PDB file of N, CA and C in Angstrom:
ATOM      1  N   MET A   1     -12.975  -2.408   9.568  1.00  0.00           N
ATOM      2  CA  MET A   1     -13.116  -1.869   8.194  1.00  0.00           C
ATOM      3  C   MET A   1     -12.268  -2.734   7.271  1.00  0.00           C
ATOM      4  N   SER A   2     -12.937  -3.330   6.368  1.00  0.00           N
ATOM      5  CA  SER A   2     -12.209  -4.213   5.383  1.00  0.00           C
ATOM      6  C   SER A   2     -11.890  -3.403   4.178  1.00  0.00           C
ATOM      7  N   VAL A   3     -10.654  -3.542   3.736  1.00  0.00           N
ATOM      8  CA  VAL A   3     -10.215  -2.825   2.575  1.00  0.00           C
ATOM      9  C   VAL A   3      -9.638  -3.838   1.597  1.00  0.00           C
ATOM     10  N   THR A   4     -10.060  -3.744   0.351  1.00  0.00           N
ATOM     11  CA  THR A   4      -9.511  -4.700  -0.666  1.00  0.00           C
ATOM     12  C   THR A   4      -8.090  -4.251  -0.982  1.00  0.00           C
ATOM     13  N   GLU A   5      -7.288  -5.242  -1.348  1.00  0.00           N
ATOM     14  CA  GLU A   5      -5.863  -5.002  -1.568  1.00  0.00           C
ATOM     15  C   GLU A   5      -5.732  -4.309  -2.965  1.00  0.00           C
ATOM     16  N   LEU A   6      -4.683  -3.521  -3.016  1.00  0.00           N
ATOM     17  CA  LEU A   6      -4.348  -2.841  -4.263  1.00  0.00           C
ATOM     18  C   LEU A   6      -3.652  -3.777  -5.179  1.00  0.00           C
ATOM     19  N   THR A   7      -4.083  -3.834  -6.402  1.00  0.00           N
ATOM     20  CA  THR A   7      -3.557  -4.755  -7.447  1.00  0.00           C
ATOM     21  C   THR A   7      -2.457  -3.968  -8.175  1.00  0.00           C
ATOM     22  N   PRO A   8      -1.509  -4.731  -8.814  1.00  0.00           N
ATOM     23  CA  PRO A   8      -0.463  -4.079  -9.626  1.00  0.00           C
ATOM     24  C   PRO A   8      -1.056  -3.137 -10.673  1.00  0.00           C
ATOM     25  N   PRO A   9      -2.118  -3.495 -11.399  1.00  0.00           N
ATOM     26  CA  PRO A   9      -2.642  -2.508 -12.447  1.00  0.00           C
ATOM     27  C   PRO A   9      -3.205  -1.285 -11.754  1.00  0.00           C
ATOM     28  N   GLU A  10      -3.824  -1.421 -10.572  1.00  0.00           N
ATOM     29  CA  GLU A  10      -4.268  -0.219  -9.880  1.00  0.00           C
ATOM     30  C   GLU A  10      -3.153   0.655  -9.371  1.00  0.00           C
ATOM     31  N   ALA A  11      -2.040   0.028  -8.938  1.00  0.00           N
ATOM     32  CA  ALA A  11      -0.886   0.746  -8.498  1.00  0.00           C
ATOM     33  C   ALA A  11      -0.332   1.609  -9.656  1.00  0.00           C
ATOM     34  N   ALA A  12      -0.331   0.976 -10.858  1.00  0.00           N
ATOM     35  CA  ALA A  12       0.165   1.703 -12.054  1.00  0.00           C
ATOM     36  C   ALA A  12      -0.765   2.870 -12.401  1.00  0.00           C
ATOM     37  N   ARG A  13      -2.108   2.584 -12.258  1.00  0.00           N
ATOM     38  CA  ARG A  13      -3.086   3.654 -12.588  1.00  0.00           C
ATOM     39  C   ARG A  13      -2.895   4.839 -11.588  1.00  0.00           C
ATOM     40  N   TRP A  14      -2.749   4.525 -10.269  1.00  0.00           N
ATOM     41  CA  TRP A  14      -2.589   5.590  -9.296  1.00  0.00           C
ATOM     42  C   TRP A  14      -1.288   6.358  -9.442  1.00  0.00           C
ATOM     43  N   ALA A  15      -0.216   5.657  -9.817  1.00  0.00           N
ATOM     44  CA  ALA A  15       1.060   6.311 -10.112  1.00  0.00           C
ATOM     45  C   ALA A  15       0.887   7.303 -11.264  1.00  0.00           C
ATOM     46  N   ALA A  16       0.252   6.846 -12.324  1.00  0.00           N
ATOM     47  CA  ALA A  16       0.039   7.683 -13.492  1.00  0.00           C
ATOM     48  C   ALA A  16      -0.810   8.859 -13.156  1.00  0.00           C
ATOM     49  N   HIS A  17      -1.819   8.673 -12.301  1.00  0.00           N
ATOM     50  CA  HIS A  17      -2.725   9.721 -11.854  1.00  0.00           C
ATOM     51  C   HIS A  17      -1.941  10.781 -11.083  1.00  0.00           C
ATOM     52  N   ALA A  18      -0.921  10.324 -10.281  1.00  0.00           N
ATOM     53  CA  ALA A  18      -0.065  11.259  -9.519  1.00  0.00           C
ATOM     54  C   ALA A  18       1.023  11.913 -10.349  1.00  0.00           C
ATOM     55  N   GLY A  19       1.131  11.511 -11.673  1.00  0.00           N
ATOM     56  CA  GLY A  19       2.187  12.043 -12.518  1.00  0.00           C
ATOM     57  C   GLY A  19       3.481  11.391 -12.372  1.00  0.00           C
ATOM     58  N   LEU A  20       3.487  10.151 -11.805  1.00  0.00           N
ATOM     59  CA  LEU A  20       4.802   9.441 -11.627  1.00  0.00           C
ATOM     60  C   LEU A  20       4.948   8.372 -12.718  1.00  0.00           C
ATOM     61  N   ARG A  21       6.111   8.314 -13.230  1.00  0.00           N
ATOM     62  CA  ARG A  21       6.386   7.306 -14.274  1.00  0.00           C
ATOM     63  C   ARG A  21       6.826   6.055 -13.487  1.00  0.00           C
ATOM     64  N   LEU A  22       6.050   4.963 -13.628  1.00  0.00           N
ATOM     65  CA  LEU A  22       6.327   3.728 -12.933  1.00  0.00           C
ATOM     66  C   LEU A  22       6.584   2.631 -13.950  1.00  0.00           C
ATOM     67  N   PRO A  23       7.796   2.134 -14.001  1.00  0.00           N
ATOM     68  CA  PRO A  23       8.166   1.045 -14.978  1.00  0.00           C
ATOM     69  C   PRO A  23       7.276  -0.180 -14.723  1.00  0.00           C
ATOM     70  N   ALA A  24       6.948  -0.891 -15.746  1.00  0.00           N
ATOM     71  CA  ALA A  24       6.099  -2.039 -15.670  1.00  0.00           C
ATOM     72  C   ALA A  24       6.587  -3.078 -14.699  1.00  0.00           C
ATOM     73  N   GLY A  25       7.877  -3.261 -14.544  1.00  0.00           N
ATOM     74  CA  GLY A  25       8.413  -4.199 -13.661  1.00  0.00           C
ATOM     75  C   GLY A  25       8.280  -3.878 -12.154  1.00  0.00           C
ATOM     76  N   ARG A  26       7.872  -2.665 -11.869  1.00  0.00           N
ATOM     77  CA  ARG A  26       7.747  -2.167 -10.495  1.00  0.00           C
ATOM     78  C   ARG A  26       6.293  -2.238 -10.005  1.00  0.00           C
ATOM     79  N   HIS A  27       5.337  -2.452 -10.850  1.00  0.00           N
ATOM     80  CA  HIS A  27       3.925  -2.426 -10.445  1.00  0.00           C
ATOM     81  C   HIS A  27       3.634  -3.356  -9.234  1.00  0.00           C
ATOM     82  N   ALA A  28       4.091  -4.595  -9.313  1.00  0.00           N
ATOM     83  CA  ALA A  28       3.818  -5.554  -8.273  1.00  0.00           C
ATOM     84  C   ALA A  28       4.441  -5.148  -6.938  1.00  0.00           C
ATOM     85  N   SER A  29       5.732  -4.692  -6.992  1.00  0.00           N
ATOM     86  CA  SER A  29       6.390  -4.314  -5.743  1.00  0.00           C
ATOM     87  C   SER A  29       5.791  -3.076  -5.117  1.00  0.00           C
ATOM     88  N   VAL A  30       5.361  -2.141  -5.944  1.00  0.00           N
ATOM     89  CA  VAL A  30       4.697  -0.918  -5.404  1.00  0.00           C
ATOM     90  C   VAL A  30       3.372  -1.305  -4.769  1.00  0.00           C
ATOM     91  N   ALA A  31       2.633  -2.214  -5.431  1.00  0.00           N
ATOM     92  CA  ALA A  31       1.326  -2.645  -4.908  1.00  0.00           C
ATOM     93  C   ALA A  31       1.548  -3.363  -3.572  1.00  0.00           C
ATOM     94  N   ALA A  32       2.571  -4.257  -3.497  1.00  0.00           N
ATOM     95  CA  ALA A  32       2.817  -4.975  -2.246  1.00  0.00           C
ATOM     96  C   ALA A  32       3.211  -3.990  -1.118  1.00  0.00           C
ATOM     97  N   THR A  33       4.044  -3.002  -1.441  1.00  0.00           N
ATOM     98  CA  THR A  33       4.473  -2.056  -0.419  1.00  0.00           C
ATOM     99  C   THR A  33       3.277  -1.235   0.066  1.00  0.00           C
ATOM    100  N   ALA A  34       2.449  -0.779  -0.851  1.00  0.00           N
ATOM    101  CA  ALA A  34       1.281   0.003  -0.493  1.00  0.00           C
ATOM    102  C   ALA A  34       0.340  -0.831   0.377  1.00  0.00           C
ATOM    103  N   ASN A  35       0.142  -2.126   0.098  1.00  0.00           N
ATOM    104  CA  ASN A  35      -0.709  -2.963   0.874  1.00  0.00           C
ATOM    105  C   ASN A  35      -0.121  -3.192   2.265  1.00  0.00           C
ATOM    106  N   HIS A  36       1.189  -3.297   2.353  1.00  0.00           N
ATOM    107  CA  HIS A  36       1.789  -3.438   3.708  1.00  0.00           C
ATOM    108  C   HIS A  36       1.596  -2.143   4.520  1.00  0.00           C
ATOM    109  N   ILE A  37       1.832  -1.049   3.923  1.00  0.00           N
ATOM    110  CA  ILE A  37       1.649   0.195   4.595  1.00  0.00           C
ATOM    111  C   ILE A  37       0.186   0.374   5.112  1.00  0.00           C
ATOM    112  N   ARG A  38      -0.773   0.017   4.249  1.00  0.00           N
ATOM    113  CA  ARG A  38      -2.203   0.072   4.639  1.00  0.00           C
ATOM    114  C   ARG A  38      -2.505  -0.844   5.760  1.00  0.00           C
ATOM    115  N   SER A  39      -1.888  -2.029   5.848  1.00  0.00           N
ATOM    116  CA  SER A  39      -2.141  -2.964   6.895  1.00  0.00           C
ATOM    117  C   SER A  39      -1.550  -2.463   8.213  1.00  0.00           C
ATOM    118  N   VAL A  40      -0.401  -1.851   8.176  1.00  0.00           N
ATOM    119  CA  VAL A  40       0.236  -1.235   9.385  1.00  0.00           C
ATOM    120  C   VAL A  40      -0.638  -0.115   9.910  1.00  0.00           C
ATOM    121  N   VAL A  41      -1.098   0.791   8.998  1.00  0.00           N
ATOM    122  CA  VAL A  41      -1.956   1.873   9.426  1.00  0.00           C
ATOM    123  C   VAL A  41      -3.263   1.348  10.016  1.00  0.00           C
ATOM    124  N   ALA A  42      -3.814   0.300   9.489  1.00  0.00           N
ATOM    125  CA  ALA A  42      -5.038  -0.278  10.056  1.00  0.00           C
ATOM    126  C   ALA A  42      -4.834  -0.749  11.496  1.00  0.00           C
ATOM    127  N   VAL A  43      -3.676  -1.327  11.765  1.00  0.00           N
ATOM    128  CA  VAL A  43      -3.389  -1.765  13.099  1.00  0.00           C
ATOM    129  C   VAL A  43      -3.214  -0.556  14.029  1.00  0.00           C
ATOM    130  N   LEU A  44      -2.589   0.490  13.565  1.00  0.00           N
ATOM    131  CA  LEU A  44      -2.357   1.677  14.382  1.00  0.00           C
ATOM    132  C   LEU A  44      -3.686   2.334  14.646  1.00  0.00           C
ATOM    133  N   ARG A  45      -4.635   2.331  13.774  1.00  0.00           N
ATOM    134  CA  ARG A  45      -5.951   2.943  13.978  1.00  0.00           C
ATOM    135  C   ARG A  45      -6.695   2.212  15.046  1.00  0.00           C
ATOM    136  N   GLU A  46      -6.439   0.937  15.267  1.00  0.00           N
ATOM    137  CA  GLU A  46      -7.087   0.164  16.317  1.00  0.00           C
ATOM    138  C   GLU A  46      -6.602   0.447  17.722  1.00  0.00           C
ATOM    139  N   LEU A  47      -5.446   1.072  17.873  1.00  0.00           N
ATOM    140  CA  LEU A  47      -4.856   1.353  19.187  1.00  0.00           C
ATOM    141  C   LEU A  47      -5.718   2.375  19.947  1.00  0.00           C
ATOM    142  N   ASP A  48      -5.905   2.105  21.216  1.00  0.00           N
ATOM    143  CA  ASP A  48      -6.593   3.087  22.097  1.00  0.00           C
ATOM    144  C   ASP A  48      -5.507   3.973  22.728  1.00  0.00           C
ATOM    145  N   LEU A  49      -5.469   5.207  22.223  1.00  0.00           N
ATOM    146  CA  LEU A  49      -4.511   6.186  22.718  1.00  0.00           C
ATOM    147  C   LEU A  49      -5.180   7.247  23.526  1.00  0.00           C
ATOM    148  N   GLY A  50      -6.293   6.896  24.194  1.00  0.00           N
ATOM    149  CA  GLY A  50      -7.051   7.860  24.936  1.00  0.00           C
ATOM    150  C   GLY A  50      -6.308   8.554  26.079  1.00  0.00           C
ATOM    151  N   ASP A  51      -5.406   7.858  26.729  1.00  0.00           N
ATOM    152  CA  ASP A  51      -4.616   8.426  27.882  1.00  0.00           C
ATOM    153  C   ASP A  51      -3.276   8.903  27.470  1.00  0.00           C
ATOM    154  N   THR A  52      -2.968   8.853  26.202  1.00  0.00           N
ATOM    155  CA  THR A  52      -1.658   9.256  25.759  1.00  0.00           C
ATOM    156  C   THR A  52      -1.606  10.800  25.520  1.00  0.00           C
ATOM    157  N   PRO A  53      -0.731  11.522  26.222  1.00  0.00           N
ATOM    158  CA  PRO A  53      -0.716  12.937  25.988  1.00  0.00           C
ATOM    159  C   PRO A  53      -0.153  13.327  24.605  1.00  0.00           C
ATOM    160  N   PRO A  54      -0.502  14.446  24.037  1.00  0.00           N
ATOM    161  CA  PRO A  54      -0.023  14.793  22.767  1.00  0.00           C
ATOM    162  C   PRO A  54       1.501  15.123  22.846  1.00  0.00           C
ATOM    163  N   ALA A  55       2.172  15.034  21.714  1.00  0.00           N
ATOM    164  CA  ALA A  55       3.625  15.262  21.624  1.00  0.00           C
ATOM    165  C   ALA A  55       4.075  16.567  22.290  1.00  0.00           C
ATOM    166  N   PRO A  56       3.377  17.687  22.106  1.00  0.00           N
ATOM    167  CA  PRO A  56       3.852  18.886  22.739  1.00  0.00           C
ATOM    168  C   PRO A  56       3.925  18.898  24.285  1.00  0.00           C
ATOM    169  N   ALA A  57       3.235  17.921  24.896  1.00  0.00           N
ATOM    170  CA  ALA A  57       3.276  17.744  26.355  1.00  0.00           C
ATOM    171  C   ALA A  57       4.560  17.238  26.872  1.00  0.00           C
ATOM    172  N   PHE A  58       5.430  16.665  25.983  1.00  0.00           N
ATOM    173  CA  PHE A  58       6.663  16.096  26.378  1.00  0.00           C
ATOM    174  C   PHE A  58       7.759  17.159  26.247  1.00  0.00           C
ATOM    175  N   LEU A  59       8.465  17.480  27.263  1.00  0.00           N
ATOM    176  CA  LEU A  59       9.536  18.453  27.186  1.00  0.00           C
ATOM    177  C   LEU A  59      10.856  17.768  27.366  1.00  0.00           C
ATOM    178  N   ALA A  60      11.586  17.623  26.285  1.00  0.00           N
ATOM    179  CA  ALA A  60      12.910  16.938  26.321  1.00  0.00           C
ATOM    180  C   ALA A  60      13.815  17.688  27.242  1.00  0.00           C
ATOM    181  N   GLY A  61      14.629  16.931  27.951  1.00  0.00           N
ATOM    182  CA  GLY A  61      15.635  17.519  28.819  1.00  0.00           C
ATOM    183  C   GLY A  61      15.112  17.775  30.251  1.00  0.00           C
ATOM    184  N   GLN A  62      13.849  17.585  30.520  1.00  0.00           N
ATOM    185  CA  GLN A  62      13.334  17.822  31.838  1.00  0.00           C
ATOM    186  C   GLN A  62      12.948  16.520  32.565  1.00  0.00           C
ATOM    187  N   GLU A  63      13.404  15.397  32.014  1.00  0.00           N
ATOM    188  CA  GLU A  63      13.079  14.156  32.660  1.00  0.00           C
ATOM    189  C   GLU A  63      13.976  13.938  33.826  1.00  0.00           C
ATOM    190  N   MET A  64      13.529  13.164  34.855  1.00  0.00           N
ATOM    191  CA  MET A  64      14.282  12.937  36.088  1.00  0.00           C
ATOM    192  C   MET A  64      15.160  11.673  35.885  1.00  0.00           C
ATOM    193  N   HIS A  65      16.428  11.781  36.203  1.00  0.00           N
ATOM    194  CA  HIS A  65      17.345  10.636  36.216  1.00  0.00           C
ATOM    195  C   HIS A  65      17.587  10.231  37.623  1.00  0.00           C
ATOM    196  N   ASP A  66      16.902   9.183  38.062  1.00  0.00           N
ATOM    197  CA  ASP A  66      17.087   8.775  39.470  1.00  0.00           C
ATOM    198  C   ASP A  66      17.464   7.293  39.620  1.00  0.00           C
ATOM    199  N   ALA A  67      18.003   6.721  38.509  1.00  0.00           N
ATOM    200  CA  ALA A  67      18.426   5.325  38.595  1.00  0.00           C
ATOM    201  C   ALA A  67      19.787   5.208  39.218  1.00  0.00           C
ATOM    202  N   ALA A  68      20.020   4.138  39.971  1.00  0.00           N
ATOM    203  CA  ALA A  68      21.313   3.910  40.589  1.00  0.00           C
ATOM    204  C   ALA A  68      22.212   3.281  39.539  1.00  0.00           C
ATOM    205  N   VAL A  69      23.506   3.685  39.500  1.00  0.00           N
ATOM    206  CA  VAL A  69      24.443   3.128  38.560  1.00  0.00           C
ATOM    207  C   VAL A  69      25.387   2.190  39.258  1.00  0.00           C
TER     208      VAL A  69
END
């Protein structure tokens, strides 16, 4: 899935749409951060987690400690 990168003017438009005041000097850094987050999420979506149990299956404190010290 190819996604176009968010441009600084689009970042400003989305911030205004969300009711956030974004100074003009921050548009580029917000766009770069959003693009980085989107790229990380894209990689995570590609992972095959078919055999990974859901988080509630893990019970903290019940693990076995059998390593020699």
